[in-house]
N, C-alpha and C. Protein backbone atom coordinates (compact mmCIF):
# COMPACT_ATOMS: atom_id res chain seq x y z
N UNK A 1 100.88 118.85 83.43
CA UNK A 1 101.27 117.85 84.17
C UNK A 1 102.42 117.15 83.60
N UNK A 2 103.39 116.62 84.38
CA UNK A 2 104.48 116.04 83.96
C UNK A 2 104.64 114.55 83.98
N UNK A 3 103.66 113.99 84.71
CA UNK A 3 103.84 112.48 84.83
C UNK A 3 102.34 111.80 84.72
N UNK A 4 102.40 110.43 84.57
CA UNK A 4 101.20 109.66 84.57
C UNK A 4 100.72 109.45 86.00
N UNK A 5 99.35 109.58 86.45
CA UNK A 5 99.03 109.24 87.69
C UNK A 5 97.61 108.57 87.69
N UNK A 6 97.47 107.76 88.80
CA UNK A 6 96.20 107.11 88.86
C UNK A 6 95.02 107.91 89.30
N UNK A 7 93.96 107.78 88.71
CA UNK A 7 92.70 108.54 89.04
C UNK A 7 91.88 107.70 89.79
N UNK A 8 91.38 108.32 90.96
CA UNK A 8 90.40 107.59 91.83
C UNK A 8 89.18 108.64 91.91
N UNK A 9 87.92 108.13 91.47
CA UNK A 9 86.75 108.91 91.55
C UNK A 9 85.91 108.37 92.55
N UNK A 10 85.44 109.17 93.50
CA UNK A 10 84.68 108.58 94.69
C UNK A 10 83.31 109.40 94.61
N UNK A 11 82.27 108.61 94.94
CA UNK A 11 80.94 109.24 95.17
C UNK A 11 80.92 109.65 96.58
N UNK A 12 80.51 110.98 96.96
CA UNK A 12 80.69 111.32 98.34
C UNK A 12 79.34 112.09 98.77
N UNK A 13 78.92 111.84 99.98
CA UNK A 13 77.69 112.46 100.38
C UNK A 13 77.53 113.77 100.60
N UNK A 14 78.68 114.45 101.01
CA UNK A 14 78.74 115.80 101.24
C UNK A 14 80.08 116.53 100.53
N UNK A 15 79.97 117.10 99.49
CA UNK A 15 81.08 117.61 98.79
C UNK A 15 81.99 118.56 99.77
N UNK A 16 81.44 119.46 100.29
CA UNK A 16 82.12 120.46 101.15
C UNK A 16 82.94 119.66 102.20
N UNK A 17 82.36 118.80 102.87
CA UNK A 17 82.98 118.02 103.99
C UNK A 17 84.12 117.08 103.42
N UNK A 18 83.80 116.48 102.36
CA UNK A 18 84.83 115.67 101.66
C UNK A 18 86.10 116.44 101.13
N UNK A 19 85.74 117.63 100.54
CA UNK A 19 86.79 118.47 100.09
C UNK A 19 87.59 118.96 101.12
N UNK A 20 87.04 119.48 102.31
CA UNK A 20 87.81 119.81 103.49
C UNK A 20 88.61 118.65 104.06
N UNK A 21 88.10 117.43 104.05
CA UNK A 21 88.90 116.18 104.60
C UNK A 21 90.14 116.05 103.60
N UNK A 22 89.95 115.91 102.31
CA UNK A 22 90.91 115.61 101.35
C UNK A 22 92.21 116.75 101.33
N UNK A 23 91.69 117.90 101.47
CA UNK A 23 92.66 119.05 101.50
C UNK A 23 93.51 118.89 102.76
N UNK A 24 93.01 118.48 103.96
CA UNK A 24 93.88 118.31 105.04
C UNK A 24 94.74 117.02 104.93
N UNK A 25 94.06 115.91 104.34
CA UNK A 25 94.79 114.62 104.15
C UNK A 25 96.03 114.83 103.18
N UNK A 26 95.79 115.40 102.07
CA UNK A 26 96.88 115.48 101.10
C UNK A 26 97.73 116.79 101.10
N UNK A 27 97.14 117.88 101.99
CA UNK A 27 97.88 119.03 102.03
C UNK A 27 97.91 119.96 100.89
N UNK A 28 96.86 119.78 100.02
CA UNK A 28 96.84 120.68 98.70
C UNK A 28 95.35 121.08 98.67
N UNK A 29 95.13 122.20 98.02
CA UNK A 29 93.87 122.75 97.72
C UNK A 29 93.41 122.02 96.49
N UNK A 30 92.11 121.84 96.22
CA UNK A 30 91.53 121.36 95.09
C UNK A 30 92.01 122.03 93.81
N UNK A 31 92.11 121.37 92.81
CA UNK A 31 92.54 121.83 91.50
C UNK A 31 91.20 122.53 90.87
N UNK A 32 90.09 122.06 91.05
CA UNK A 32 88.82 122.54 90.67
C UNK A 32 87.72 122.06 91.51
N UNK A 33 86.87 123.12 91.76
CA UNK A 33 85.46 122.82 92.44
C UNK A 33 84.37 123.51 91.64
N UNK A 34 83.55 122.63 91.34
CA UNK A 34 82.17 123.06 90.80
C UNK A 34 80.94 122.49 91.49
N UNK A 35 79.82 122.99 91.09
CA UNK A 35 78.66 122.32 91.82
C UNK A 35 78.70 120.79 91.66
N UNK A 36 78.72 120.15 92.85
CA UNK A 36 78.72 118.58 92.78
C UNK A 36 79.92 117.86 92.45
N UNK A 37 81.05 118.74 92.32
CA UNK A 37 82.25 118.20 91.65
C UNK A 37 83.49 118.91 92.33
N UNK A 38 84.58 118.10 92.52
CA UNK A 38 85.76 118.70 92.87
C UNK A 38 86.80 117.54 92.45
N UNK A 39 87.99 118.18 92.12
CA UNK A 39 89.18 117.27 91.89
C UNK A 39 90.39 117.79 92.55
N UNK A 40 91.31 117.06 92.59
CA UNK A 40 92.77 117.40 93.32
C UNK A 40 93.84 116.69 92.47
N UNK A 41 94.80 117.51 92.13
CA UNK A 41 95.91 116.96 91.53
C UNK A 41 96.98 116.96 92.57
N UNK A 42 97.22 115.76 92.93
CA UNK A 42 98.09 115.58 94.06
C UNK A 42 99.51 115.08 93.55
N UNK A 43 100.58 115.60 94.01
CA UNK A 43 101.83 115.38 93.54
C UNK A 43 102.48 114.06 94.27
N UNK A 44 102.27 114.11 95.55
CA UNK A 44 102.86 113.07 96.31
C UNK A 44 101.67 112.54 97.28
N UNK A 45 101.09 111.39 97.07
CA UNK A 45 101.63 110.43 96.03
C UNK A 45 100.91 110.99 94.72
N UNK A 46 101.44 110.51 93.60
CA UNK A 46 100.80 111.03 92.24
C UNK A 46 99.48 110.46 92.16
N UNK A 47 98.46 111.33 92.21
CA UNK A 47 96.96 110.97 92.40
C UNK A 47 96.22 112.11 91.82
N UNK A 48 95.25 111.71 90.98
CA UNK A 48 94.12 112.60 90.57
C UNK A 48 92.92 112.13 91.26
N UNK A 49 92.41 112.87 92.32
CA UNK A 49 91.27 112.43 93.12
C UNK A 49 90.09 113.18 92.71
N UNK A 50 89.08 112.58 92.31
CA UNK A 50 87.75 113.18 91.80
C UNK A 50 86.61 112.92 92.85
N UNK A 51 86.06 113.96 93.25
CA UNK A 51 84.87 113.70 94.23
C UNK A 51 83.54 114.10 93.47
N UNK A 52 82.76 113.36 93.55
CA UNK A 52 81.48 113.37 92.75
C UNK A 52 80.32 113.38 94.00
N UNK A 53 79.65 114.57 94.04
CA UNK A 53 78.48 114.44 95.24
C UNK A 53 77.43 113.64 94.73
N UNK A 54 77.18 112.51 95.28
CA UNK A 54 76.15 111.61 94.95
C UNK A 54 75.57 111.08 96.26
N UNK A 55 74.86 111.83 96.97
CA UNK A 55 74.25 111.32 98.16
C UNK A 55 73.35 110.05 97.94
N UNK A 56 73.49 109.15 98.80
CA UNK A 56 72.82 107.79 98.70
C UNK A 56 73.48 106.92 97.84
N UNK A 57 74.59 107.14 97.29
CA UNK A 57 75.07 106.18 96.26
C UNK A 57 75.35 104.80 97.09
N UNK A 58 75.15 103.81 96.32
CA UNK A 58 75.30 102.52 97.08
C UNK A 58 76.77 102.19 97.12
N UNK A 59 77.64 102.59 96.32
CA UNK A 59 79.11 102.42 96.29
C UNK A 59 79.80 103.68 96.45
N UNK A 60 80.97 103.73 97.19
CA UNK A 60 81.77 104.95 97.20
C UNK A 60 82.68 105.01 96.02
N UNK A 61 83.14 104.04 95.38
CA UNK A 61 83.92 104.06 94.31
C UNK A 61 83.10 104.37 93.13
N UNK A 62 83.29 105.36 92.40
CA UNK A 62 82.67 105.80 91.18
C UNK A 62 83.38 105.19 89.90
N UNK A 63 84.56 105.33 89.79
CA UNK A 63 85.31 104.78 88.77
C UNK A 63 86.82 104.84 88.95
N UNK A 64 87.57 104.29 88.16
CA UNK A 64 89.07 104.27 88.19
C UNK A 64 89.69 104.71 86.88
N UNK A 65 90.73 105.36 86.85
CA UNK A 65 91.50 105.75 85.69
C UNK A 65 92.93 106.11 85.68
N UNK A 66 93.40 106.29 84.62
CA UNK A 66 94.77 106.74 84.66
C UNK A 66 94.84 108.10 83.85
N UNK A 67 95.44 109.11 84.42
CA UNK A 67 95.64 110.38 83.82
C UNK A 67 97.08 110.41 83.01
N UNK A 68 97.14 110.68 81.79
CA UNK A 68 98.33 110.64 81.14
C UNK A 68 98.78 112.00 80.82
N UNK A 69 100.04 112.28 80.60
CA UNK A 69 100.48 113.72 80.39
C UNK A 69 100.01 114.14 78.89
N UNK A 70 99.94 113.36 77.93
CA UNK A 70 99.51 113.93 76.69
C UNK A 70 98.69 112.94 75.85
N UNK A 71 97.85 113.54 74.83
CA UNK A 71 97.20 112.64 74.01
C UNK A 71 98.07 111.75 73.31
N UNK A 72 99.26 111.89 72.95
CA UNK A 72 100.18 110.99 72.37
C UNK A 72 100.40 109.74 73.28
N UNK A 73 100.34 109.99 74.63
CA UNK A 73 100.48 108.84 75.61
C UNK A 73 99.21 108.01 75.67
N UNK A 74 98.03 108.74 75.45
CA UNK A 74 96.74 108.04 75.29
C UNK A 74 96.75 107.12 74.02
N UNK A 75 97.23 107.71 72.86
CA UNK A 75 97.27 106.98 71.61
C UNK A 75 98.16 105.68 71.62
N UNK A 76 99.39 105.87 72.28
CA UNK A 76 100.33 104.73 72.62
C UNK A 76 99.66 103.68 73.49
N UNK A 77 98.83 104.14 74.58
CA UNK A 77 98.23 103.10 75.19
C UNK A 77 97.28 102.45 74.63
N UNK A 78 96.46 103.08 73.72
CA UNK A 78 95.47 102.37 72.94
C UNK A 78 96.10 101.42 72.18
N UNK A 79 97.16 101.69 71.53
CA UNK A 79 97.87 100.73 70.59
C UNK A 79 98.29 99.54 71.27
N UNK A 80 98.81 99.68 72.62
CA UNK A 80 99.28 98.64 73.56
C UNK A 80 97.90 97.86 73.90
N UNK A 81 96.93 98.45 74.21
CA UNK A 81 95.66 97.69 74.70
C UNK A 81 95.22 96.86 73.53
N UNK A 82 95.17 97.37 72.27
CA UNK A 82 94.59 96.69 71.17
C UNK A 82 95.60 95.41 70.81
N UNK A 83 96.92 95.62 70.96
CA UNK A 83 97.89 94.61 70.72
C UNK A 83 97.59 93.52 71.73
N UNK A 84 97.37 93.86 73.05
CA UNK A 84 97.12 92.96 73.98
C UNK A 84 95.57 92.23 74.02
N UNK A 85 94.96 92.56 72.99
CA UNK A 85 93.61 92.10 72.72
C UNK A 85 92.45 92.54 73.65
N UNK A 86 92.70 93.76 74.32
CA UNK A 86 91.72 94.30 75.29
C UNK A 86 90.66 95.07 74.43
N UNK A 87 89.41 94.85 74.94
CA UNK A 87 88.27 95.67 74.38
C UNK A 87 88.35 97.07 74.73
N UNK A 88 88.31 98.04 73.66
CA UNK A 88 88.44 99.48 74.02
C UNK A 88 87.36 100.30 73.33
N UNK A 89 87.07 101.46 73.94
CA UNK A 89 86.28 102.39 73.29
C UNK A 89 86.80 103.63 73.33
N UNK A 90 86.98 104.48 72.23
CA UNK A 90 87.82 105.83 72.14
C UNK A 90 86.61 106.86 72.18
N UNK A 91 87.11 107.97 72.99
CA UNK A 91 86.50 109.14 72.96
C UNK A 91 87.34 110.36 72.91
N UNK A 92 87.40 111.03 71.87
CA UNK A 92 88.26 112.13 71.45
C UNK A 92 87.55 113.53 71.80
N UNK A 93 88.34 114.40 72.10
CA UNK A 93 87.86 115.67 72.39
C UNK A 93 86.50 115.78 73.18
N UNK A 94 86.51 115.11 74.24
CA UNK A 94 85.26 114.96 75.05
C UNK A 94 85.30 115.84 76.07
N UNK A 95 84.25 116.63 76.03
CA UNK A 95 83.89 117.68 77.15
C UNK A 95 83.29 116.95 78.29
N UNK A 96 83.98 116.74 79.36
CA UNK A 96 83.71 115.90 80.59
C UNK A 96 84.20 116.54 82.00
N UNK A 97 83.38 116.65 82.86
CA UNK A 97 83.83 116.95 84.16
C UNK A 97 84.72 118.30 84.11
N UNK A 98 84.21 119.27 83.35
CA UNK A 98 84.94 120.63 83.25
C UNK A 98 86.24 120.47 82.62
N UNK A 99 86.51 119.75 81.66
CA UNK A 99 87.76 119.78 80.88
C UNK A 99 87.48 118.93 79.57
N UNK A 100 88.22 119.29 78.60
CA UNK A 100 88.19 118.56 77.31
C UNK A 100 89.36 117.49 77.50
N UNK A 101 88.87 116.26 76.90
CA UNK A 101 89.83 115.15 77.17
C UNK A 101 89.79 114.14 75.94
N UNK A 102 90.97 113.58 75.78
CA UNK A 102 90.93 112.49 74.85
C UNK A 102 91.25 111.26 75.66
N UNK A 103 90.38 110.28 75.48
CA UNK A 103 90.36 109.18 76.36
C UNK A 103 90.14 107.78 75.72
N UNK A 104 90.44 106.72 76.32
CA UNK A 104 90.14 105.39 76.02
C UNK A 104 89.65 104.66 77.17
N UNK A 105 88.57 104.00 77.00
CA UNK A 105 87.89 103.07 78.02
C UNK A 105 88.23 101.54 77.62
N UNK A 106 88.79 101.02 78.68
CA UNK A 106 89.13 99.62 78.58
C UNK A 106 88.35 98.74 79.28
N UNK A 107 87.65 97.71 78.76
CA UNK A 107 86.63 96.92 79.53
C UNK A 107 87.48 96.12 80.54
N UNK A 108 86.87 96.02 81.71
CA UNK A 108 87.66 95.15 82.74
C UNK A 108 86.76 94.57 83.72
N UNK A 109 86.99 93.41 84.23
CA UNK A 109 86.10 92.69 85.20
C UNK A 109 86.35 93.27 86.59
N UNK A 110 85.28 93.32 87.24
CA UNK A 110 85.33 93.56 88.79
C UNK A 110 85.60 95.01 89.08
N UNK A 111 85.49 95.98 88.16
CA UNK A 111 85.48 97.36 88.66
C UNK A 111 84.22 98.02 88.34
N UNK A 112 84.03 99.25 88.95
CA UNK A 112 82.68 99.83 88.63
C UNK A 112 82.48 100.18 87.34
N UNK A 113 81.32 100.04 86.84
CA UNK A 113 80.81 100.25 85.30
C UNK A 113 81.70 99.20 84.51
N UNK A 114 82.61 98.40 84.79
CA UNK A 114 83.19 97.34 84.09
C UNK A 114 84.31 97.85 83.13
N UNK A 115 84.86 99.09 83.56
CA UNK A 115 85.85 99.71 82.71
C UNK A 115 86.81 100.51 83.36
N UNK A 116 88.07 100.69 82.90
CA UNK A 116 88.96 101.66 83.35
C UNK A 116 89.07 102.80 82.25
N UNK A 117 89.38 104.07 82.58
CA UNK A 117 89.42 105.17 81.81
C UNK A 117 91.01 105.60 81.80
N UNK A 118 91.40 105.69 80.47
CA UNK A 118 92.90 106.20 80.41
C UNK A 118 92.77 107.51 79.45
N UNK A 119 93.18 108.57 80.07
CA UNK A 119 92.79 109.77 79.40
C UNK A 119 93.98 110.87 79.63
N UNK A 120 93.73 112.02 78.78
CA UNK A 120 94.71 113.18 78.89
C UNK A 120 93.75 114.31 78.66
N UNK A 121 94.08 115.36 79.55
CA UNK A 121 93.18 116.66 79.48
C UNK A 121 93.93 117.44 78.42
N UNK A 122 93.08 118.03 77.59
CA UNK A 122 93.64 118.67 76.38
C UNK A 122 93.25 120.10 76.55
N UNK A 123 92.26 120.45 77.35
CA UNK A 123 91.81 121.92 77.61
C UNK A 123 91.21 121.87 79.00
N UNK A 124 91.93 122.33 79.92
CA UNK A 124 91.48 122.47 81.33
C UNK A 124 90.41 123.38 81.64
N UNK A 125 90.12 124.43 80.88
CA UNK A 125 88.94 125.42 81.08
C UNK A 125 88.22 125.62 79.81
N UNK A 126 87.49 124.67 79.54
CA UNK A 126 86.79 124.84 78.24
C UNK A 126 85.49 125.47 78.40
N UNK A 127 85.02 126.30 77.40
CA UNK A 127 83.67 126.98 77.34
C UNK A 127 82.54 126.05 76.55
N UNK A 128 81.49 126.06 77.29
CA UNK A 128 80.42 125.23 76.78
C UNK A 128 79.79 126.18 75.62
N UNK A 129 78.98 125.64 74.67
CA UNK A 129 78.46 126.54 73.67
C UNK A 129 77.61 127.63 74.20
N UNK A 130 77.08 127.56 75.34
CA UNK A 130 76.39 128.77 75.97
C UNK A 130 77.50 129.69 76.70
N UNK A 131 78.66 129.46 76.42
CA UNK A 131 79.65 130.52 77.04
C UNK A 131 80.12 130.22 78.42
N UNK A 132 79.42 129.23 79.07
CA UNK A 132 79.74 129.02 80.56
C UNK A 132 81.01 128.01 80.55
N UNK A 133 81.61 127.88 81.59
CA UNK A 133 82.65 126.97 81.66
C UNK A 133 82.48 125.80 82.63
N UNK A 134 81.18 125.39 82.80
CA UNK A 134 80.82 124.28 83.50
C UNK A 134 80.30 123.20 82.61
N UNK A 135 80.68 122.01 82.95
CA UNK A 135 80.19 120.78 82.27
C UNK A 135 78.89 120.39 82.60
N UNK A 136 78.19 119.74 81.70
CA UNK A 136 76.93 119.22 81.96
C UNK A 136 76.99 117.69 82.34
N UNK A 137 78.22 117.24 82.42
CA UNK A 137 78.39 115.68 82.47
C UNK A 137 78.37 115.12 83.93
N UNK A 138 78.46 115.89 85.11
CA UNK A 138 78.65 115.24 86.23
C UNK A 138 77.37 114.64 86.74
N UNK A 139 76.17 115.03 86.34
CA UNK A 139 74.91 114.27 86.69
C UNK A 139 74.94 112.92 86.06
N UNK A 140 75.48 112.61 84.89
CA UNK A 140 75.64 111.45 84.27
C UNK A 140 76.76 110.57 84.84
N UNK A 141 77.67 111.08 85.50
CA UNK A 141 78.89 110.31 85.86
C UNK A 141 78.41 109.22 86.89
N UNK A 142 77.75 109.38 87.88
CA UNK A 142 77.35 108.63 88.89
C UNK A 142 76.53 107.43 88.31
N UNK A 143 75.74 107.77 87.36
CA UNK A 143 74.67 106.78 86.80
C UNK A 143 75.28 106.03 85.62
N UNK A 144 76.52 106.46 85.14
CA UNK A 144 77.11 105.89 83.96
C UNK A 144 77.26 104.37 83.94
N UNK A 145 76.63 103.59 83.04
CA UNK A 145 76.69 102.20 82.99
C UNK A 145 77.75 101.75 81.94
N UNK A 146 77.74 102.26 80.77
CA UNK A 146 78.72 102.14 79.82
C UNK A 146 79.43 103.23 79.40
N UNK A 147 80.86 103.18 78.87
CA UNK A 147 81.51 104.35 78.62
C UNK A 147 81.07 104.98 77.33
N UNK A 148 80.86 106.27 77.38
CA UNK A 148 80.61 107.11 76.18
C UNK A 148 80.99 108.54 76.58
N UNK A 149 80.54 109.52 75.70
CA UNK A 149 81.10 110.78 75.88
C UNK A 149 80.55 111.65 77.10
N UNK A 150 79.62 110.96 77.88
CA UNK A 150 79.11 111.69 79.09
C UNK A 150 79.98 111.29 80.30
N UNK A 151 80.93 110.34 80.34
CA UNK A 151 81.57 109.92 81.43
C UNK A 151 82.50 110.94 82.02
N UNK A 152 82.66 111.06 83.29
CA UNK A 152 83.59 112.03 83.88
C UNK A 152 84.93 111.32 83.96
N UNK A 153 85.87 112.26 84.14
CA UNK A 153 87.23 111.96 84.23
C UNK A 153 87.98 112.99 85.07
């Protein structure tokens, strides 16, 4: 990835239907599709769209984030956040939503779960300890109340 982009994570009723819609809307195929999960790396507009199948969710917005090009960008953002006096939580080498990420959560008012996620993908196709390449985090994403290593990005 060459530039920073906003991440928008949505709870969707039907993953297949939502994936088909966003493929048509943005004119790109999903970057990754797994059981209950899909994401799009959209170049124009610069957007990381994450779809989390969560039938019956009371809110469509799951969480917000910023995907940065490198872990150094995340470290620089963390330094800036701390200088600004923002409350932060760090998660390094986090296996989340089918990728390994370095991330910082920033406490924020009036957003889902009360935080923004600022992250960089360090391994886009990780293997789990059992040898599979699927993450176990997506079930926790929708119910996540506080930032920790089970949050999706």
